[in-house]
C-alpha atoms as a PDB file:
ATOM      1  CA  UNK A   1     130.551-145.058 -14.895  1.00  0.00           C
ATOM      2  CA  UNK A   2     129.434-142.407 -12.432  1.00  0.00           C
ATOM      3  CA  UNK A   3     130.486-142.346  -8.781  1.00  0.00           C
ATOM      4  CA  UNK A   4     129.686-140.111  -5.830  1.00  0.00           C
ATOM      5  CA  UNK A   5     132.583-139.232  -3.557  1.00  0.00           C
ATOM      6  CA  UNK A   6     131.453-138.033  -0.132  1.00  0.00           C
ATOM      7  CA  UNK A   7     134.126-136.705   2.202  1.00  0.00           C
ATOM      8  CA  UNK A   8     133.785-135.272   5.701  1.00  0.00           C
ATOM      9  CA  UNK A   9     136.390-132.901   7.110  1.00  0.00           C
ATOM     10  CA  UNK A  10     138.228-133.479  10.355  1.00  0.00           C
ATOM     11  CA  UNK A  11     136.931-131.301  13.183  1.00  0.00           C
ATOM     12  CA  UNK A  12     138.554-127.874  13.268  1.00  0.00           C
ATOM     13  CA  UNK A  13     140.114-128.230   9.814  1.00  0.00           C
ATOM     14  CA  UNK A  14     138.520-125.234   8.070  1.00  0.00           C
ATOM     15  CA  UNK A  15     141.953-123.591   7.803  1.00  0.00           C
ATOM     16  CA  UNK A  16     143.302-126.690   5.993  1.00  0.00           C
ATOM     17  CA  UNK A  17     140.341-126.543   3.592  1.00  0.00           C
ATOM     18  CA  UNK A  18     140.841-122.850   2.847  1.00  0.00           C
ATOM     19  CA  UNK A  19     144.626-123.136   2.408  1.00  0.00           C
ATOM     20  CA  UNK A  20     144.223-125.947  -0.123  1.00  0.00           C
ATOM     21  CA  UNK A  21     141.084-124.672  -1.890  1.00  0.00           C
ATOM     22  CA  UNK A  22     142.845-123.112  -4.921  1.00  0.00           C
ATOM     23  CA  UNK A  23     144.758-126.348  -5.621  1.00  0.00           C
ATOM     24  CA  UNK A  24     141.604-128.449  -5.060  1.00  0.00           C
ATOM     25  CA  UNK A  25     139.566-126.319  -7.496  1.00  0.00           C
ATOM     26  CA  UNK A  26     142.355-126.464 -10.091  1.00  0.00           C
ATOM     27  CA  UNK A  27     142.462-130.267  -9.709  1.00  0.00           C
ATOM     28  CA  UNK A  28     138.694-130.545 -10.218  1.00  0.00           C
ATOM     29  CA  UNK A  29     138.966-128.484 -13.407  1.00  0.00           C
ATOM     30  CA  UNK A  30     142.105-130.117 -14.805  1.00  0.00           C
ATOM     31  CA  UNK A  31     141.046-133.758 -14.531  1.00  0.00           C
ATOM     32  CA  UNK A  32     137.945-133.371 -16.713  1.00  0.00           C
ATOM     33  CA  UNK A  33     135.977-136.076 -14.872  1.00  0.00           C
ATOM     34  CA  UNK A  34     133.981-133.991 -12.378  1.00  0.00           C
ATOM     35  CA  UNK A  35     130.282-133.684 -13.249  1.00  0.00           C
ATOM     36  CA  UNK A  36     129.142-131.887 -10.092  1.00  0.00           C
ATOM     37  CA  UNK A  37     130.842-130.739  -6.922  1.00  0.00           C
ATOM     38  CA  UNK A  38     130.012-128.786  -3.830  1.00  0.00           C
ATOM     39  CA  UNK A  39     130.633-128.567  -0.111  1.00  0.00           C
ATOM     40  CA  UNK A  40     128.565-129.928   2.725  1.00  0.00           C
ATOM     41  CA  UNK A  41     127.787-127.104   5.168  1.00  0.00           C
ATOM     42  CA  UNK A  42     127.568-127.252   8.949  1.00  0.00           C
ATOM     43  CA  UNK A  43     124.905-125.509  11.062  1.00  0.00           C
ATOM     44  CA  UNK A  44     126.880-122.244  10.836  1.00  0.00           C
ATOM     45  CA  UNK A  45     127.033-122.403   7.039  1.00  0.00           C
ATOM     46  CA  UNK A  46     130.739-123.283   6.995  1.00  0.00           C
ATOM     47  CA  UNK A  47     132.120-126.011   4.691  1.00  0.00           C
ATOM     48  CA  UNK A  48     132.571-129.304   6.546  1.00  0.00           C
ATOM     49  CA  UNK A  49     132.899-131.808   3.719  1.00  0.00           C
ATOM     50  CA  UNK A  50     132.459-132.366   0.011  1.00  0.00           C
ATOM     51  CA  UNK A  51     130.245-134.143  -2.500  1.00  0.00           C
ATOM     52  CA  UNK A  52     131.884-134.757  -5.863  1.00  0.00           C
ATOM     53  CA  UNK A  53     130.277-136.662  -8.736  1.00  0.00           C
ATOM     54  CA  UNK A  54     132.873-138.290 -11.000  1.00  0.00           C
ATOM     55  CA  UNK A  55     132.598-139.841 -14.457  1.00  0.00           C
ATOM     56  CA  UNK A  56     135.390-142.438 -14.472  1.00  0.00           C
ATOM     57  CA  UNK A  57     135.751-145.989 -15.830  1.00  0.00           C
ATOM     58  CA  UNK A  58     135.538-147.874 -12.521  1.00  0.00           C
ATOM     59  CA  UNK A  59     135.864-147.773  -8.728  1.00  0.00           C
ATOM     60  CA  UNK A  60     139.654-148.012  -8.929  1.00  0.00           C
ATOM     61  CA  UNK A  61     139.758-144.840 -11.035  1.00  0.00           C
ATOM     62  CA  UNK A  62     137.418-143.078  -8.596  1.00  0.00           C
ATOM     63  CA  UNK A  63     139.668-144.070  -5.687  1.00  0.00           C
ATOM     64  CA  UNK A  64     142.782-142.941  -7.546  1.00  0.00           C
ATOM     65  CA  UNK A  65     141.118-139.595  -8.253  1.00  0.00           C
ATOM     66  CA  UNK A  66     140.195-139.238  -4.572  1.00  0.00           C
ATOM     67  CA  UNK A  67     143.697-140.148  -3.413  1.00  0.00           C
ATOM     68  CA  UNK A  68     145.224-137.449  -5.637  1.00  0.00           C
ATOM     69  CA  UNK A  69     142.857-134.665  -4.551  1.00  0.00           C
ATOM     70  CA  UNK A  70     144.897-131.897  -2.876  1.00  0.00           C
ATOM     71  CA  UNK A  71     142.438-131.923   0.037  1.00  0.00           C
ATOM     72  CA  UNK A  72     143.152-135.613   0.638  1.00  0.00           C
ATOM     73  CA  UNK A  73     146.902-135.082   0.323  1.00  0.00           C
ATOM     74  CA  UNK A  74     146.667-132.298   2.920  1.00  0.00           C
ATOM     75  CA  UNK A  75     144.946-134.650   5.372  1.00  0.00           C
ATOM     76  CA  UNK A  76     141.665-132.699   5.444  1.00  0.00           C
ATOM     77  CA  UNK A  77     139.249-135.609   5.590  1.00  0.00           C
ATOM     78  CA  UNK A  78     138.271-137.797   8.545  1.00  0.00           C
ATOM     79  CA  UNK A  79     136.183-140.078   6.306  1.00  0.00           C
ATOM     80  CA  UNK A  80     135.716-140.646   2.579  1.00  0.00           C
ATOM     81  CA  UNK A  81     133.101-142.857   0.960  1.00  0.00           C
ATOM     82  CA  UNK A  82     132.766-143.616  -2.733  1.00  0.00           C
ATOM     83  CA  UNK A  83     129.654-145.221  -4.156  1.00  0.00           C
ATOM     84  CA  UNK A  84     128.049-145.765  -7.540  1.00  0.00           C
ATOM     85  CA  UNK A  85     125.843-142.799  -8.492  1.00  0.00           C
ATOM     86  CA  UNK A  86     122.615-142.769 -10.454  1.00  0.00           C
ATOM     87  CA  UNK A  87     120.982-139.390 -10.962  1.00  0.00           C
ATOM     88  CA  UNK A  88     117.238-139.809 -11.201  1.00  0.00           C
ATOM     89  CA  UNK A  89     115.927-136.239 -11.453  1.00  0.00           C
ATOM     90  CA  UNK A  90     117.078-132.996 -13.039  1.00  0.00           C
ATOM     91  CA  UNK A  91     120.262-132.142 -14.782  1.00  0.00           C
END
């Protein structure tokens, strides 16, 4: 099943994002369940959150993936939402 994970950074946490970016990117690659990923950008073009599309068996697996993300473990996010995802256009 496919899920969209949307996470918004805490205010003023760009340094936390940048410090943990290498571990976050390695986690995305190593788990083998990420279909698409990218940051949300603020008005200045700086990362302020993330959208990650996961292919996992169920919501519990999506939540477990989110909980183990190095960004989450570092306390980067002020809010995380996970919802079922259905891509309707493009690849």
